[in-house]
Amino acid sequence: MAVPKKRTSKMKTKSRQSVWMNKSNIQAQRAISLAKSLAANNGTSFVYSQNTPETSED
């Protein structure tokens, strides 16, 4: 079984954690921004129909 030979320093651990947290914070900001633009009907990222589908009568 593989076992690390030395303990990882707190500085390296905190550095890796901060990189991960910064990436997640950026994604969260993008998601909130997109949600705000869609809520204000300013969203141009998605193409979707706002009309209800019409049923065809045969």
PDB file of N, CA and C in Angstrom:
ATOM      1  N   MET A   1       0.838  -1.174   0.000  1.00  0.00           N
ATOM      2  CA  MET A   1       0.000   0.000   0.000  1.00  0.00           C
ATOM      3  C   MET A   1       0.892   1.250   0.000  1.00  0.00           C
ATOM      4  N   ALA A   2       0.523   2.221  -0.840  1.00  0.00           N
ATOM      5  CA  ALA A   2       1.328   3.435  -0.964  1.00  0.00           C
ATOM      6  C   ALA A   2       1.057   4.371   0.210  1.00  0.00           C
ATOM      7  N   VAL A   3       2.133   4.825   0.821  1.00  0.00           N
ATOM      8  CA  VAL A   3       2.038   5.732   1.958  1.00  0.00           C
ATOM      9  C   VAL A   3       2.989   6.895   1.703  1.00  0.00           C
ATOM     10  N   PRO A   4       2.519   8.149   1.885  1.00  0.00           N
ATOM     11  CA  PRO A   4       3.430   9.275   1.694  1.00  0.00           C
ATOM     12  C   PRO A   4       4.557   9.247   2.729  1.00  0.00           C
ATOM     13  N   LYS A   5       5.746   9.611   2.287  1.00  0.00           N
ATOM     14  CA  LYS A   5       6.909   9.539   3.178  1.00  0.00           C
ATOM     15  C   LYS A   5       6.954  10.707   4.153  1.00  0.00           C
ATOM     16  N   LYS A   6       6.496  11.877   3.702  1.00  0.00           N
ATOM     17  CA  LYS A   6       6.535  13.042   4.572  1.00  0.00           C
ATOM     18  C   LYS A   6       5.180  13.731   4.546  1.00  0.00           C
ATOM     19  N   ARG A   7       4.933  14.464   5.594  1.00  0.00           N
ATOM     20  CA  ARG A   7       3.680  15.190   5.707  1.00  0.00           C
ATOM     21  C   ARG A   7       3.697  16.401   4.787  1.00  0.00           C
ATOM     22  N   THR A   8       2.561  16.660   4.130  1.00  0.00           N
ATOM     23  CA  THR A   8       2.442  17.842   3.277  1.00  0.00           C
ATOM     24  C   THR A   8       2.356  19.082   4.164  1.00  0.00           C
ATOM     25  N   SER A   9       3.085  20.108   3.810  1.00  0.00           N
ATOM     26  CA  SER A   9       3.117  21.318   4.632  1.00  0.00           C
ATOM     27  C   SER A   9       1.767  22.034   4.584  1.00  0.00           C
ATOM     28  N   LYS A  10       1.507  22.810   5.622  1.00  0.00           N
ATOM     29  CA  LYS A  10       0.257  23.572   5.690  1.00  0.00           C
ATOM     30  C   LYS A  10       0.184  24.590   4.563  1.00  0.00           C
ATOM     31  N   MET A  11       1.324  25.157   4.203  1.00  0.00           N
ATOM     32  CA  MET A  11       1.344  26.167   3.143  1.00  0.00           C
ATOM     33  C   MET A  11       0.914  25.557   1.808  1.00  0.00           C
ATOM     34  N   LYS A  12       1.436  24.389   1.498  1.00  0.00           N
ATOM     35  CA  LYS A  12       1.081  23.733   0.246  1.00  0.00           C
ATOM     36  C   LYS A  12      -0.390  23.312   0.258  1.00  0.00           C
ATOM     37  N   THR A  13      -0.854  22.815   1.409  1.00  0.00           N
ATOM     38  CA  THR A  13      -2.250  22.400   1.530  1.00  0.00           C
ATOM     39  C   THR A  13      -3.187  23.589   1.343  1.00  0.00           C
ATOM     40  N   LYS A  14      -2.881  24.687   2.025  1.00  0.00           N
ATOM     41  CA  LYS A  14      -3.713  25.892   1.910  1.00  0.00           C
ATOM     42  C   LYS A  14      -3.680  26.454   0.496  1.00  0.00           C
ATOM     43  N   SER A  15      -2.512  26.394  -0.141  1.00  0.00           N
ATOM     44  CA  SER A  15      -2.380  26.896  -1.504  1.00  0.00           C
ATOM     45  C   SER A  15      -3.261  26.103  -2.461  1.00  0.00           C
ATOM     46  N   ARG A  16      -3.227  24.787  -2.352  1.00  0.00           N
ATOM     47  CA  ARG A  16      -4.056  23.945  -3.219  1.00  0.00           C
ATOM     48  C   ARG A  16      -5.536  24.173  -2.955  1.00  0.00           C
ATOM     49  N   GLN A  17      -5.880  24.329  -1.679  1.00  0.00           N
ATOM     50  CA  GLN A  17      -7.274  24.562  -1.328  1.00  0.00           C
ATOM     51  C   GLN A  17      -7.754  25.909  -1.865  1.00  0.00           C
ATOM     52  N   SER A  18      -6.906  26.927  -1.811  1.00  0.00           N
ATOM     53  CA  SER A  18      -7.317  28.247  -2.290  1.00  0.00           C
ATOM     54  C   SER A  18      -7.511  28.248  -3.799  1.00  0.00           C
ATOM     55  N   VAL A  19      -6.687  27.484  -4.528  1.00  0.00           N
ATOM     56  CA  VAL A  19      -6.865  27.378  -5.976  1.00  0.00           C
ATOM     57  C   VAL A  19      -8.212  26.748  -6.279  1.00  0.00           C
ATOM     58  N   TRP A  20      -8.545  25.683  -5.560  1.00  0.00           N
ATOM     59  CA  TRP A  20      -9.820  24.995  -5.770  1.00  0.00           C
ATOM     60  C   TRP A  20     -10.989  25.921  -5.426  1.00  0.00           C
ATOM     61  N   MET A  21     -10.869  26.646  -4.316  1.00  0.00           N
ATOM     62  CA  MET A  21     -11.947  27.542  -3.901  1.00  0.00           C
ATOM     63  C   MET A  21     -12.121  28.691  -4.888  1.00  0.00           C
ATOM     64  N   ASN A  22     -11.022  29.224  -5.419  1.00  0.00           N
ATOM     65  CA  ASN A  22     -11.126  30.307  -6.393  1.00  0.00           C
ATOM     66  C   ASN A  22     -11.825  29.842  -7.657  1.00  0.00           C
ATOM     67  N   LYS A  23     -11.527  28.621  -8.108  1.00  0.00           N
ATOM     68  CA  LYS A  23     -12.201  28.087  -9.288  1.00  0.00           C
ATOM     69  C   LYS A  23     -13.696  27.944  -9.035  1.00  0.00           C
ATOM     70  N   SER A  24     -14.060  27.447  -7.852  1.00  0.00           N
ATOM     71  CA  SER A  24     -15.478  27.273  -7.549  1.00  0.00           C
ATOM     72  C   SER A  24     -16.176  28.622  -7.395  1.00  0.00           C
ATOM     73  N   ASN A  25     -15.487  29.613  -6.856  1.00  0.00           N
ATOM     74  CA  ASN A  25     -16.080  30.945  -6.721  1.00  0.00           C
ATOM     75  C   ASN A  25     -16.335  31.575  -8.082  1.00  0.00           C
ATOM     76  N   ILE A  26     -15.421  31.380  -9.025  1.00  0.00           N
ATOM     77  CA  ILE A  26     -15.607  31.917 -10.377  1.00  0.00           C
ATOM     78  C   ILE A  26     -16.821  31.276 -11.036  1.00  0.00           C
ATOM     79  N   GLN A  27     -16.959  29.957 -10.903  1.00  0.00           N
ATOM     80  CA  GLN A  27     -18.104  29.262 -11.486  1.00  0.00           C
ATOM     81  C   GLN A  27     -19.409  29.730 -10.842  1.00  0.00           C
ATOM     82  N   ALA A  28     -19.392  29.955  -9.532  1.00  0.00           N
ATOM     83  CA  ALA A  28     -20.589  30.424  -8.841  1.00  0.00           C
ATOM     84  C   ALA A  28     -20.978  31.821  -9.316  1.00  0.00           C
ATOM     85  N   GLN A  29     -19.999  32.698  -9.503  1.00  0.00           N
ATOM     86  CA  GLN A  29     -20.285  34.046  -9.988  1.00  0.00           C
ATOM     87  C   GLN A  29     -20.867  34.014 -11.391  1.00  0.00           C
ATOM     88  N   ARG A  30     -20.340  33.139 -12.248  1.00  0.00           N
ATOM     89  CA  ARG A  30     -20.873  33.016 -13.606  1.00  0.00           C
ATOM     90  C   ARG A  30     -22.304  32.502 -13.587  1.00  0.00           C
ATOM     91  N   ALA A  31     -22.584  31.542 -12.728  1.00  0.00           N
ATOM     92  CA  ALA A  31     -23.930  30.986 -12.646  1.00  0.00           C
ATOM     93  C   ALA A  31     -24.926  32.029 -12.147  1.00  0.00           C
ATOM     94  N   ILE A  32     -24.540  32.802 -11.149  1.00  0.00           N
ATOM     95  CA  ILE A  32     -25.426  33.842 -10.622  1.00  0.00           C
ATOM     96  C   ILE A  32     -25.654  34.923 -11.665  1.00  0.00           C
ATOM     97  N   SER A  33     -24.611  35.302 -12.376  1.00  0.00           N
ATOM     98  CA  SER A  33     -24.732  36.314 -13.417  1.00  0.00           C
ATOM     99  C   SER A  33     -25.677  35.851 -14.521  1.00  0.00           C
ATOM    100  N   LEU A  34     -25.538  34.596 -14.922  1.00  0.00           N
ATOM    101  CA  LEU A  34     -26.411  34.050 -15.955  1.00  0.00           C
ATOM    102  C   LEU A  34     -27.852  33.991 -15.472  1.00  0.00           C
ATOM    103  N   ALA A  35     -28.058  33.596 -14.225  1.00  0.00           N
ATOM    104  CA  ALA A  35     -29.412  33.532 -13.670  1.00  0.00           C
ATOM    105  C   ALA A  35     -30.041  34.918 -13.609  1.00  0.00           C
ATOM    106  N   LYS A  36     -29.253  35.919 -13.239  1.00  0.00           N
ATOM    107  CA  LYS A  36     -29.773  37.285 -13.179  1.00  0.00           C
ATOM    108  C   LYS A  36     -30.161  37.785 -14.566  1.00  0.00           C
ATOM    109  N   SER A  37     -29.337  37.486 -15.567  1.00  0.00           N
ATOM    110  CA  SER A  37     -29.645  37.954 -16.915  1.00  0.00           C
ATOM    111  C   SER A  37     -30.876  37.243 -17.470  1.00  0.00           C
ATOM    112  N   LEU A  38     -31.035  35.959 -17.158  1.00  0.00           N
ATOM    113  CA  LEU A  38     -32.230  35.245 -17.612  1.00  0.00           C
ATOM    114  C   LEU A  38     -33.475  35.748 -16.891  1.00  0.00           C
ATOM    115  N   ALA A  39     -33.346  36.076 -15.614  1.00  0.00           N
ATOM    116  CA  ALA A  39     -34.484  36.581 -14.855  1.00  0.00           C
ATOM    117  C   ALA A  39     -34.918  37.953 -15.367  1.00  0.00           C
ATOM    118  N   ALA A  40     -33.977  38.734 -15.884  1.00  0.00           N
ATOM    119  CA  ALA A  40     -34.284  40.066 -16.393  1.00  0.00           C
ATOM    120  C   ALA A  40     -34.595  40.046 -17.889  1.00  0.00           C
ATOM    121  N   ASN A  41     -34.683  38.841 -18.478  1.00  0.00           N
ATOM    122  CA  ASN A  41     -34.938  38.662 -19.915  1.00  0.00           C
ATOM    123  C   ASN A  41     -33.869  39.329 -20.776  1.00  0.00           C
ATOM    124  N   ASN A  42     -32.645  39.361 -20.283  1.00  0.00           N
ATOM    125  CA  ASN A  42     -31.530  39.899 -21.061  1.00  0.00           C
ATOM    126  C   ASN A  42     -30.605  38.796 -21.548  1.00  0.00           C
ATOM    127  N   GLY A  43     -30.968  37.561 -21.306  1.00  0.00           N
ATOM    128  CA  GLY A  43     -30.092  36.443 -21.648  1.00  0.00           C
ATOM    129  C   GLY A  43     -30.027  36.205 -23.140  1.00  0.00           C
ATOM    130  N   THR A  44     -28.828  36.141 -23.679  1.00  0.00           N
ATOM    131  CA  THR A  44     -28.643  35.830 -25.095  1.00  0.00           C
ATOM    132  C   THR A  44     -27.847  34.545 -25.259  1.00  0.00           C
ATOM    133  N   SER A  45     -27.555  33.872 -24.153  1.00  0.00           N
ATOM    134  CA  SER A  45     -26.740  32.661 -24.211  1.00  0.00           C
ATOM    135  C   SER A  45     -27.546  31.452 -24.657  1.00  0.00           C
ATOM    136  N   PHE A  46     -28.845  31.494 -24.429  1.00  0.00           N
ATOM    137  CA  PHE A  46     -29.686  30.349 -24.730  1.00  0.00           C
ATOM    138  C   PHE A  46     -30.706  30.724 -25.785  1.00  0.00           C
ATOM    139  N   VAL A  47     -31.078  29.752 -26.583  1.00  0.00           N
ATOM    140  CA  VAL A  47     -32.147  29.937 -27.551  1.00  0.00           C
ATOM    141  C   VAL A  47     -33.282  29.027 -27.123  1.00  0.00           C
ATOM    142  N   TYR A  48     -34.372  29.614 -26.734  1.00  0.00           N
ATOM    143  CA  TYR A  48     -35.515  28.826 -26.312  1.00  0.00           C
ATOM    144  C   TYR A  48     -36.780  29.584 -26.682  1.00  0.00           C
ATOM    145  N   SER A  49     -37.839  28.843 -26.915  1.00  0.00           N
ATOM    146  CA  SER A  49     -39.095  29.478 -27.301  1.00  0.00           C
ATOM    147  C   SER A  49     -39.900  29.786 -26.051  1.00  0.00           C
ATOM    148  N   GLN A  50     -40.473  30.968 -26.028  1.00  0.00           N
ATOM    149  CA  GLN A  50     -41.282  31.363 -24.890  1.00  0.00           C
ATOM    150  C   GLN A  50     -42.759  31.111 -25.153  1.00  0.00           C
ATOM    151  N   ASN A  51     -43.111  30.772 -26.395  1.00  0.00           N
ATOM    152  CA  ASN A  51     -44.498  30.503 -26.733  1.00  0.00           C
ATOM    153  C   ASN A  51     -44.845  29.070 -26.377  1.00  0.00           C
ATOM    154  N   THR A  52     -46.121  28.857 -26.071  1.00  0.00           N
ATOM    155  CA  THR A  52     -46.555  27.493 -25.802  1.00  0.00           C
ATOM    156  C   THR A  52     -46.712  26.769 -27.126  1.00  0.00           C
ATOM    157  N   PRO A  53     -46.382  25.497 -27.195  1.00  0.00           N
ATOM    158  CA  PRO A  53     -46.505  24.770 -28.464  1.00  0.00           C
ATOM    159  C   PRO A  53     -47.972  24.625 -28.868  1.00  0.00           C
ATOM    160  N   GLU A  54     -48.223  24.870 -30.144  1.00  0.00           N
ATOM    161  CA  GLU A  54     -49.586  24.779 -30.649  1.00  0.00           C
ATOM    162  C   GLU A  54     -49.880  23.339 -31.045  1.00  0.00           C
ATOM    163  N   THR A  55     -51.089  22.917 -30.757  1.00  0.00           N
ATOM    164  CA  THR A  55     -51.485  21.566 -31.150  1.00  0.00           C
ATOM    165  C   THR A  55     -52.127  21.635 -32.526  1.00  0.00           C
ATOM    166  N   SER A  56     -51.762  20.708 -33.371  1.00  0.00           N
ATOM    167  CA  SER A  56     -52.333  20.683 -34.720  1.00  0.00           C
ATOM    168  C   SER A  56     -53.585  19.820 -34.713  1.00  0.00           C
ATOM    169  N   GLU A  57     -54.615  20.343 -35.326  1.00  0.00           N
ATOM    170  CA  GLU A  57     -55.874  19.609 -35.402  1.00  0.00           C
ATOM    171  C   GLU A  57     -56.002  19.011 -36.789  1.00  0.00           C
ATOM    172  N   ASP A  58     -56.165  17.704 -36.845  1.00  0.00           N
ATOM    173  CA  ASP A  58     -56.323  17.026 -38.129  1.00  0.00           C
ATOM    174  C   ASP A  58     -57.751  16.590 -38.340  1.00  0.00           C
TER     175      ASP A  58
END
